[in-house]
C-alpha atoms as a PDB file:
ATOM      1  CA  MET A   1      -3.831  19.128  -1.868  1.00  0.00           C
ATOM      2  CA  ILE A   2      -3.479  15.404  -1.522  1.00  0.00           C
ATOM      3  CA  THR A   3      -6.952  14.457  -2.347  1.00  0.00           C
ATOM      4  CA  GLY A   4      -7.434  16.605  -4.777  1.00  0.00           C
ATOM      5  CA  GLU A   5      -4.407  15.411  -6.743  1.00  0.00           C
ATOM      6  CA  LEU A   6      -5.889  11.990  -6.069  1.00  0.00           C
ATOM      7  CA  ASP A   7      -9.137  12.993  -7.885  1.00  0.00           C
ATOM      8  CA  ARG A   8      -7.314  14.465 -10.854  1.00  0.00           C
ATOM      9  CA  ILE A   9      -5.374  11.608 -11.569  1.00  0.00           C
ATOM     10  CA  GLU A  10      -8.634   9.525 -11.123  1.00  0.00           C
ATOM     11  CA  ARG A  11     -10.419  11.447 -13.584  1.00  0.00           C
ATOM     12  CA  GLU A  12      -7.234  11.421 -16.083  1.00  0.00           C
ATOM     13  CA  TRP A  13      -7.137   7.537 -15.771  1.00  0.00           C
ATOM     14  CA  ILE A  14     -10.386   6.887 -15.940  1.00  0.00           C
ATOM     15  CA  ALA A  15     -10.575   8.781 -19.470  1.00  0.00           C
ATOM     16  CA  ALA A  16      -6.858   7.134 -20.261  1.00  0.00           C
ATOM     17  CA  GLU A  17      -9.053   3.611 -19.590  1.00  0.00           C
ATOM     18  CA  ARG A  18      -5.857   2.672 -17.526  1.00  0.00           C
ATOM     19  CA  LYS A  19      -5.181  -0.552 -16.362  1.00  0.00           C
ATOM     20  CA  THR A  20      -1.410  -0.488 -15.136  1.00  0.00           C
ATOM     21  CA  VAL A  21       1.393   2.170 -14.686  1.00  0.00           C
ATOM     22  CA  ASN A  22       4.742   0.832 -15.222  1.00  0.00           C
ATOM     23  CA  GLY A  23       3.675  -2.555 -15.158  1.00  0.00           C
ATOM     24  CA  ILE A  24       1.897  -2.326 -11.292  1.00  0.00           C
ATOM     25  CA  PRO A  25      -1.860  -3.577 -11.913  1.00  0.00           C
ATOM     26  CA  LEU A  26      -4.441  -0.514 -10.873  1.00  0.00           C
ATOM     27  CA  PHE A  27      -6.974  -1.938  -8.357  1.00  0.00           C
ATOM     28  CA  TRP A  28     -10.585   0.050 -10.216  1.00  0.00           C
ATOM     29  CA  GLY A  29     -13.409  -0.859  -7.722  1.00  0.00           C
ATOM     30  CA  SER A  30     -17.193   0.775  -7.667  1.00  0.00           C
ATOM     31  CA  ASN A  31     -18.714   3.267  -5.447  1.00  0.00           C
ATOM     32  CA  GLU A  32     -22.299   4.144  -6.156  1.00  0.00           C
ATOM     33  CA  GLY A  33     -21.903   2.867  -9.380  1.00  0.00           C
ATOM     34  CA  ARG A  34     -18.775   4.954 -10.567  1.00  0.00           C
ATOM     35  CA  PRO A  35     -15.296   3.706 -11.222  1.00  0.00           C
ATOM     36  CA  PHE A  36     -13.373   4.218  -7.842  1.00  0.00           C
ATOM     37  CA  LEU A  37      -9.393   3.895  -8.050  1.00  0.00           C
ATOM     38  CA  GLN A  38      -8.411   2.326  -4.854  1.00  0.00           C
ATOM     39  CA  ARG A  39      -4.941   2.114  -5.296  1.00  0.00           C
ATOM     40  CA  PHE A  40      -2.693   4.368  -6.875  1.00  0.00           C
ATOM     41  CA  PRO A  41       1.037   3.661  -7.940  1.00  0.00           C
ATOM     42  CA  PHE A  42       3.825   6.060  -9.022  1.00  0.00           C
ATOM     43  CA  THR A  43       1.753   9.028  -7.815  1.00  0.00           C
ATOM     44  CA  SER A  44       4.459  11.635  -7.720  1.00  0.00           C
ATOM     45  CA  THR A  45       5.705  10.811 -11.128  1.00  0.00           C
ATOM     46  CA  PHE A  46       1.932  12.122 -12.026  1.00  0.00           C
ATOM     47  CA  SER A  47       1.517  15.165  -8.977  1.00  0.00           C
ATOM     48  CA  ASP A  48       3.869  17.781  -9.024  1.00  0.00           C
ATOM     49  CA  PRO A  49       2.744  18.879  -5.701  1.00  0.00           C
ATOM     50  CA  ILE A  50       3.018  15.750  -4.241  1.00  0.00           C
ATOM     51  CA  ARG A  51       6.492  14.727  -5.660  1.00  0.00           C
ATOM     52  CA  ASP A  52       7.395  18.197  -3.983  1.00  0.00           C
ATOM     53  CA  LEU A  53       5.454  17.268  -0.573  1.00  0.00           C
ATOM     54  CA  VAL A  54       7.363  14.069  -0.507  1.00  0.00           C
ATOM     55  CA  ARG A  55      10.895  15.619  -0.451  1.00  0.00           C
ATOM     56  CA  ASP A  56      10.141  18.680   2.340  1.00  0.00           C
ATOM     57  CA  ASP A  57      12.631  19.283   4.438  1.00  0.00           C
ATOM     58  CA  ARG A  58      10.594  18.609   7.488  1.00  0.00           C
ATOM     59  CA  PHE A  59      11.009  14.998   6.220  1.00  0.00           C
ATOM     60  CA  ALA A  60      14.524  14.948   6.589  1.00  0.00           C
ATOM     61  CA  PRO A  61      14.664  13.077   9.746  1.00  0.00           C
ATOM     62  CA  ILE A  62      13.190   9.876   8.073  1.00  0.00           C
ATOM     63  CA  ARG A  63      15.858  10.047   5.722  1.00  0.00           C
ATOM     64  CA  ASP A  64      18.157   9.707   7.949  1.00  0.00           C
ATOM     65  CA  LEU A  65      16.248   7.110   9.670  1.00  0.00           C
ATOM     66  CA  VAL A  66      16.116   4.552   6.675  1.00  0.00           C
ATOM     67  CA  GLY A  67      19.740   5.380   5.990  1.00  0.00           C
ATOM     68  CA  ALA A  68      22.731   7.433   4.496  1.00  0.00           C
ATOM     69  CA  GLY A  69      21.900   8.111   0.957  1.00  0.00           C
ATOM     70  CA  ALA A  70      18.677   7.262   1.126  1.00  0.00           C
ATOM     71  CA  ARG A  71      16.185   8.386  -1.828  1.00  0.00           C
ATOM     72  CA  ILE A  72      12.655   8.666  -2.975  1.00  0.00           C
ATOM     73  CA  GLY A  73      12.044   5.741  -5.207  1.00  0.00           C
ATOM     74  CA  ASP A  74       9.565   7.653  -7.585  1.00  0.00           C
ATOM     75  CA  ARG A  75       9.715   5.318 -10.411  1.00  0.00           C
ATOM     76  CA  GLU A  76      11.054   2.103  -8.237  1.00  0.00           C
ATOM     77  CA  LYS A  77       8.902  -0.734  -6.820  1.00  0.00           C
ATOM     78  CA  ASP A  78       5.901   0.390  -7.189  1.00  0.00           C
ATOM     79  CA  GLY A  79       6.771   4.034  -6.489  1.00  0.00           C
ATOM     80  CA  VAL A  80       4.719   6.535  -3.747  1.00  0.00           C
ATOM     81  CA  VAL A  81       1.792   4.190  -3.359  1.00  0.00           C
ATOM     82  CA  VAL A  82      -1.550   6.121  -2.136  1.00  0.00           C
ATOM     83  CA  ASN A  83      -4.408   3.303  -0.875  1.00  0.00           C
ATOM     84  CA  ARG A  84      -8.034   4.120  -0.534  1.00  0.00           C
ATOM     85  CA  TYR A  85      -9.695   1.378   1.616  1.00  0.00           C
ATOM     86  CA  LEU A  86     -13.468   1.495   1.482  1.00  0.00           C
ATOM     87  CA  ASN A  87     -16.387  -0.837   2.227  1.00  0.00           C
ATOM     88  CA  VAL A  88     -18.847  -0.691  -0.073  1.00  0.00           C
ATOM     89  CA  PRO A  89     -20.574  -2.989  -2.453  1.00  0.00           C
ATOM     90  CA  GLY A  90     -18.311  -2.732  -5.389  1.00  0.00           C
ATOM     91  CA  SER A  91     -15.402  -2.311  -3.493  1.00  0.00           C
ATOM     92  CA  VAL A  92     -12.268  -4.667  -4.474  1.00  0.00           C
ATOM     93  CA  HIS A  93      -9.858  -3.076  -1.874  1.00  0.00           C
ATOM     94  CA  PRO A  94     -11.695  -3.196   1.276  1.00  0.00           C
ATOM     95  CA  ARG A  95      -9.116  -4.637   3.290  1.00  0.00           C
ATOM     96  CA  LEU A  96      -5.626  -6.296   2.997  1.00  0.00           C
ATOM     97  CA  GLY A  97      -4.597  -9.624   4.432  1.00  0.00           C
ATOM     98  CA  TRP A  98      -1.774 -10.799   6.394  1.00  0.00           C
ATOM     99  CA  HIS A  99       1.756 -10.280   4.886  1.00  0.00           C
ATOM    100  CA  THR A 100       5.190  -9.380   5.294  1.00  0.00           C
ATOM    101  CA  ASP A 101       6.942  -7.312   2.408  1.00  0.00           C
ATOM    102  CA  GLY A 102       9.556  -9.684   2.690  1.00  0.00           C
ATOM    103  CA  LEU A 103       7.683 -11.656  -0.116  1.00  0.00           C
ATOM    104  CA  ARG A 104       8.437  -8.955  -2.619  1.00  0.00           C
ATOM    105  CA  ASP A 105      12.146  -9.779  -2.274  1.00  0.00           C
ATOM    106  CA  LEU A 106      12.029 -13.520  -2.565  1.00  0.00           C
ATOM    107  CA  PHE A 107      10.018 -12.607  -5.864  1.00  0.00           C
ATOM    108  CA  TYR A 108      12.881 -10.649  -7.169  1.00  0.00           C
ATOM    109  CA  LEU A 109      15.073 -13.888  -6.166  1.00  0.00           C
ATOM    110  CA  ARG A 110      17.288 -12.356  -2.893  1.00  0.00           C
ATOM    111  CA  MET A 111      16.851 -12.118   0.271  1.00  0.00           C
ATOM    112  CA  PRO A 112      14.830  -9.727   2.522  1.00  0.00           C
ATOM    113  CA  LYS A 113      16.679  -6.444   3.683  1.00  0.00           C
ATOM    114  CA  PRO A 114      16.070  -4.251   6.440  1.00  0.00           C
ATOM    115  CA  MET A 115      12.986  -2.064   5.377  1.00  0.00           C
ATOM    116  CA  LEU A 116      11.029   0.779   6.528  1.00  0.00           C
ATOM    117  CA  ASN A 117       7.431   1.443   5.848  1.00  0.00           C
ATOM    118  CA  ILE A 118       6.721   5.382   5.980  1.00  0.00           C
ATOM    119  CA  GLY A 119       3.122   6.034   5.888  1.00  0.00           C
ATOM    120  CA  LEU A 120       0.990   9.251   5.757  1.00  0.00           C
ATOM    121  CA  HIS A 121      -2.382   9.248   7.074  1.00  0.00           C
ATOM    122  CA  LEU A 122      -4.930  11.005   5.726  1.00  0.00           C
ATOM    123  CA  ASP A 123      -8.002  10.430   8.033  1.00  0.00           C
ATOM    124  CA  ARG A 124      -8.853   9.424  11.744  1.00  0.00           C
ATOM    125  CA  ILE A 125      -9.083   5.915  12.312  1.00  0.00           C
ATOM    126  CA  THR A 126      -9.637   4.317  15.143  1.00  0.00           C
ATOM    127  CA  LYS A 127      -9.351   0.366  16.460  1.00  0.00           C
ATOM    128  CA  ASP A 128     -13.328   0.041  15.098  1.00  0.00           C
ATOM    129  CA  ASN A 129     -12.626   1.351  11.669  1.00  0.00           C
ATOM    130  CA  GLY A 130     -10.404  -1.373  10.601  1.00  0.00           C
ATOM    131  CA  GLY A 131      -7.052  -0.248   9.775  1.00  0.00           C
ATOM    132  CA  LEU A 132      -3.567  -0.921  10.044  1.00  0.00           C
ATOM    133  CA  ARG A 133      -2.543  -4.200  12.259  1.00  0.00           C
ATOM    134  CA  LEU A 134       1.114  -5.504  13.044  1.00  0.00           C
ATOM    135  CA  ILE A 135       2.378  -8.175  14.988  1.00  0.00           C
ATOM    136  CA  PRO A 136       5.132  -6.511  17.084  1.00  0.00           C
ATOM    137  CA  GLY A 137       8.530  -8.169  16.720  1.00  0.00           C
ATOM    138  CA  SER A 138       7.551 -10.385  13.911  1.00  0.00           C
ATOM    139  CA  HIS A 139      10.687  -8.734  12.219  1.00  0.00           C
ATOM    140  CA  THR A 140      13.250 -10.701  13.840  1.00  0.00           C
ATOM    141  CA  GLN A 141      11.646 -13.761  12.927  1.00  0.00           C
ATOM    142  CA  GLY A 142      13.362 -16.385  10.972  1.00  0.00           C
ATOM    143  CA  PHE A 143      13.066 -17.483   7.068  1.00  0.00           C
ATOM    144  CA  PHE A 144      10.830 -20.183   7.821  1.00  0.00           C
ATOM    145  CA  SER A 145       8.237 -18.321   9.949  1.00  0.00           C
ATOM    146  CA  MET A 146       8.479 -15.423   7.217  1.00  0.00           C
ATOM    147  CA  CYS A 147       7.145 -17.495   4.634  1.00  0.00           C
ATOM    148  CA  PHE A 148       4.758 -19.741   6.727  1.00  0.00           C
ATOM    149  CA  ARG A 149       3.329 -18.222   9.689  1.00  0.00           C
ATOM    150  CA  LYS A 150       0.611 -17.376   8.303  1.00  0.00           C
ATOM    151  CA  LEU A 151      -1.104 -17.869   4.280  1.00  0.00           C
ATOM    152  CA  TYR A 152      -0.099 -14.767   2.561  1.00  0.00           C
ATOM    153  CA  PHE A 153      -2.969 -12.242   1.733  1.00  0.00           C
ATOM    154  CA  LEU A 154      -5.656 -15.188   2.180  1.00  0.00           C
ATOM    155  CA  SER A 155      -5.829 -15.140   6.130  1.00  0.00           C
ATOM    156  CA  HIS A 156      -7.555 -12.363   7.889  1.00  0.00           C
ATOM    157  CA  ALA A 157      -8.224 -13.641  11.256  1.00  0.00           C
ATOM    158  CA  PRO A 158      -6.992 -11.456  14.041  1.00  0.00           C
ATOM    159  CA  ASP A 159      -3.846 -12.390  15.745  1.00  0.00           C
ATOM    160  CA  PRO A 160      -3.756 -12.423  19.398  1.00  0.00           C
ATOM    161  CA  GLY A 161      -0.459 -10.444  19.572  1.00  0.00           C
ATOM    162  CA  GLU A 162      -1.766  -7.797  16.901  1.00  0.00           C
ATOM    163  CA  LEU A 163      -1.456  -3.933  17.874  1.00  0.00           C
ATOM    164  CA  ALA A 164      -3.894  -1.603  15.960  1.00  0.00           C
ATOM    165  CA  VAL A 165      -2.566   1.189  14.770  1.00  0.00           C
ATOM    166  CA  GLU A 166      -5.054   4.055  15.402  1.00  0.00           C
ATOM    167  CA  THR A 167      -3.988   7.523  13.446  1.00  0.00           C
ATOM    168  CA  GLU A 168      -5.199  11.250  12.899  1.00  0.00           C
ATOM    169  CA  PRO A 169      -5.316  13.201   9.748  1.00  0.00           C
ATOM    170  CA  GLY A 170      -1.646  14.397   9.328  1.00  0.00           C
ATOM    171  CA  ASP A 171      -0.155  11.368  11.442  1.00  0.00           C
ATOM    172  CA  LEU A 172       3.087   9.630   9.876  1.00  0.00           C
ATOM    173  CA  THR A 173       3.893   6.205  10.868  1.00  0.00           C
ATOM    174  CA  VAL A 174       7.153   3.926  10.699  1.00  0.00           C
ATOM    175  CA  HIS A 175       7.279   0.230  10.985  1.00  0.00           C
ATOM    176  CA  ASP A 176       9.740  -2.255   9.642  1.00  0.00           C
ATOM    177  CA  GLY A 177       8.087  -4.033   6.157  1.00  0.00           C
ATOM    178  CA  ARG A 178       9.179  -7.172   7.313  1.00  0.00           C
ATOM    179  CA  LEU A 179       6.784  -7.188  10.254  1.00  0.00           C
ATOM    180  CA  TRP A 180       3.849  -9.494   9.577  1.00  0.00           C
ATOM    181  CA  HIS A 181       0.851  -6.884   8.868  1.00  0.00           C
ATOM    182  CA  ARG A 182      -2.595  -6.817   7.405  1.00  0.00           C
ATOM    183  CA  VAL A 183      -5.611  -3.731   6.834  1.00  0.00           C
ATOM    184  CA  ALA A 184      -8.754  -5.112   8.896  1.00  0.00           C
ATOM    185  CA  VAL A 185     -12.105  -4.080   7.080  1.00  0.00           C
ATOM    186  CA  SER A 186     -14.104  -1.620   8.863  1.00  0.00           C
ATOM    187  CA  THR A 187     -16.952  -2.052  10.564  1.00  0.00           C
ATOM    188  CA  ARG A 188     -18.579   0.847   8.816  1.00  0.00           C
ATOM    189  CA  THR A 189     -19.974   0.958   5.259  1.00  0.00           C
ATOM    190  CA  GLY A 190     -20.044   3.997   2.952  1.00  0.00           C
ATOM    191  CA  PRO A 191     -17.938   7.146   3.272  1.00  0.00           C
ATOM    192  CA  ALA A 192     -17.334   6.548   6.958  1.00  0.00           C
ATOM    193  CA  SER A 193     -15.675   3.427   6.424  1.00  0.00           C
ATOM    194  CA  LEU A 194     -13.000   5.361   4.083  1.00  0.00           C
ATOM    195  CA  ARG A 195      -9.250   5.146   5.227  1.00  0.00           C
ATOM    196  CA  ARG A 196      -6.554   6.761   3.075  1.00  0.00           C
ATOM    197  CA  SER A 197      -2.836   6.515   3.563  1.00  0.00           C
ATOM    198  CA  MET A 198       0.216   7.392   1.062  1.00  0.00           C
ATOM    199  CA  TYR A 199       3.574   5.364   1.646  1.00  0.00           C
ATOM    200  CA  VAL A 200       6.989   6.772   0.350  1.00  0.00           C
ATOM    201  CA  PRO A 201       9.264   4.075  -0.445  1.00  0.00           C
ATOM    202  CA  TYR A 202      12.907   5.414   0.994  1.00  0.00           C
ATOM    203  CA  LEU A 203      15.716   3.150  -0.837  1.00  0.00           C
ATOM    204  CA  THR A 204      19.381   2.415  -0.368  1.00  0.00           C
ATOM    205  CA  ASP A 205      19.671  -0.130  -2.725  1.00  0.00           C
ATOM    206  CA  PRO A 206      20.949  -0.015  -6.646  1.00  0.00           C
ATOM    207  CA  TYR A 207      18.447   2.192  -8.771  1.00  0.00           C
ATOM    208  CA  GLU A 208      15.838  -0.263 -10.448  1.00  0.00           C
ATOM    209  CA  PRO A 209      13.545   2.282 -12.094  1.00  0.00           C
ATOM    210  CA  LYS A 210      10.203   0.905 -13.848  1.00  0.00           C
ATOM    211  CA  SER A 211       8.793   2.219 -17.244  1.00  0.00           C
ATOM    212  CA  GLU A 212       5.660   1.826 -19.265  1.00  0.00           C
ATOM    213  CA  ALA A 213       7.407  -1.205 -20.843  1.00  0.00           C
ATOM    214  CA  SER A 214       8.204  -3.205 -17.304  1.00  0.00           C
ATOM    215  CA  GLY A 215       6.003  -6.416 -16.846  1.00  0.00           C
ATOM    216  CA  THR A 216       3.847  -7.234 -14.207  1.00  0.00           C
ATOM    217  CA  PRO A 217       5.549  -9.086 -11.067  1.00  0.00           C
ATOM    218  CA  LEU A 218       4.375 -12.292 -10.471  1.00  0.00           C
ATOM    219  CA  TYR A 219       3.052 -11.502  -6.907  1.00  0.00           C
ATOM    220  CA  HIS A 220       0.953  -8.278  -8.207  1.00  0.00           C
ATOM    221  CA  ARG A 221      -0.414 -11.137 -10.883  1.00  0.00           C
ATOM    222  CA  LEU A 222      -1.378 -13.195  -8.318  1.00  0.00           C
ATOM    223  CA  GLY A 223      -2.880 -10.539  -6.359  1.00  0.00           C
ATOM    224  CA  ALA A 224      -4.867  -9.492  -9.078  1.00  0.00           C
ATOM    225  CA  ALA A 225      -6.451 -12.784  -9.831  1.00  0.00           C
ATOM    226  CA  LEU A 226      -7.627 -13.100  -6.360  1.00  0.00           C
ATOM    227  CA  ARG A 227      -9.465 -10.020  -6.486  1.00  0.00           C
ATOM    228  CA  ASN A 228     -11.078 -11.024  -9.759  1.00  0.00           C
ATOM    229  CA  LEU A 229     -11.705 -14.221  -8.048  1.00  0.00           C
ATOM    230  CA  ARG A 230     -13.666 -12.618  -4.970  1.00  0.00           C
ATOM    231  CA  ALA A 231     -15.487 -10.238  -7.672  1.00  0.00           C
ATOM    232  CA  ARG A 232     -17.063 -12.959  -9.506  1.00  0.00           C
ATOM    233  CA  ARG A 233     -18.279 -14.695  -6.087  1.00  0.00           C
ATOM    234  CA  SER A 234     -19.921 -11.296  -4.958  1.00  0.00           C
ATOM    235  CA  SER A 235     -21.600 -10.690  -8.211  1.00  0.00           C
END
């Protein structure tokens, strides 16, 4: 159901020539010469089945883990996000450099709060196929380390203390967003390199909805500039 809905949304956004959703840039790459959307923001606002799925009662323990009164931020932050990493010529999202999600709070001029990343994984991913890497315990670091331990998004080098997260289709993972983490590029190419994951925002802070009138956050503008630079260098 999820993959079918992504294909439908992708077709609709190609036809509409969408570049952003609620101010959040779309990561358009190519696969065998065809447009290939590699990051879907706000998916639950474009898909009733996905919206129903993330509210299924089976996820109630996760909401309890996040905190009392936790809600799903369908229209907040970047909404329910689906990433599709693919290692092919034309990909703009084959990997993701080291970062913490606390950086987003800093761009909003507030100190990072405890946060949990809830991921639902759609593919079998082993260590050799790239995937999520975490540095255990790094969520307890001080402010200076959070800002300067690594070069945000530009550093991809393996860390001696990193842990590879291996998944089977349907696995659900939970990690603190303040951890240093990255997504390693697959050693495979083509369809065998595909890694798809959906992240659901469970929020307890004040309600801050986005709309089509919302501006693009600075950190997304910087990310778009880096992707464009990489695309020009590879062309």
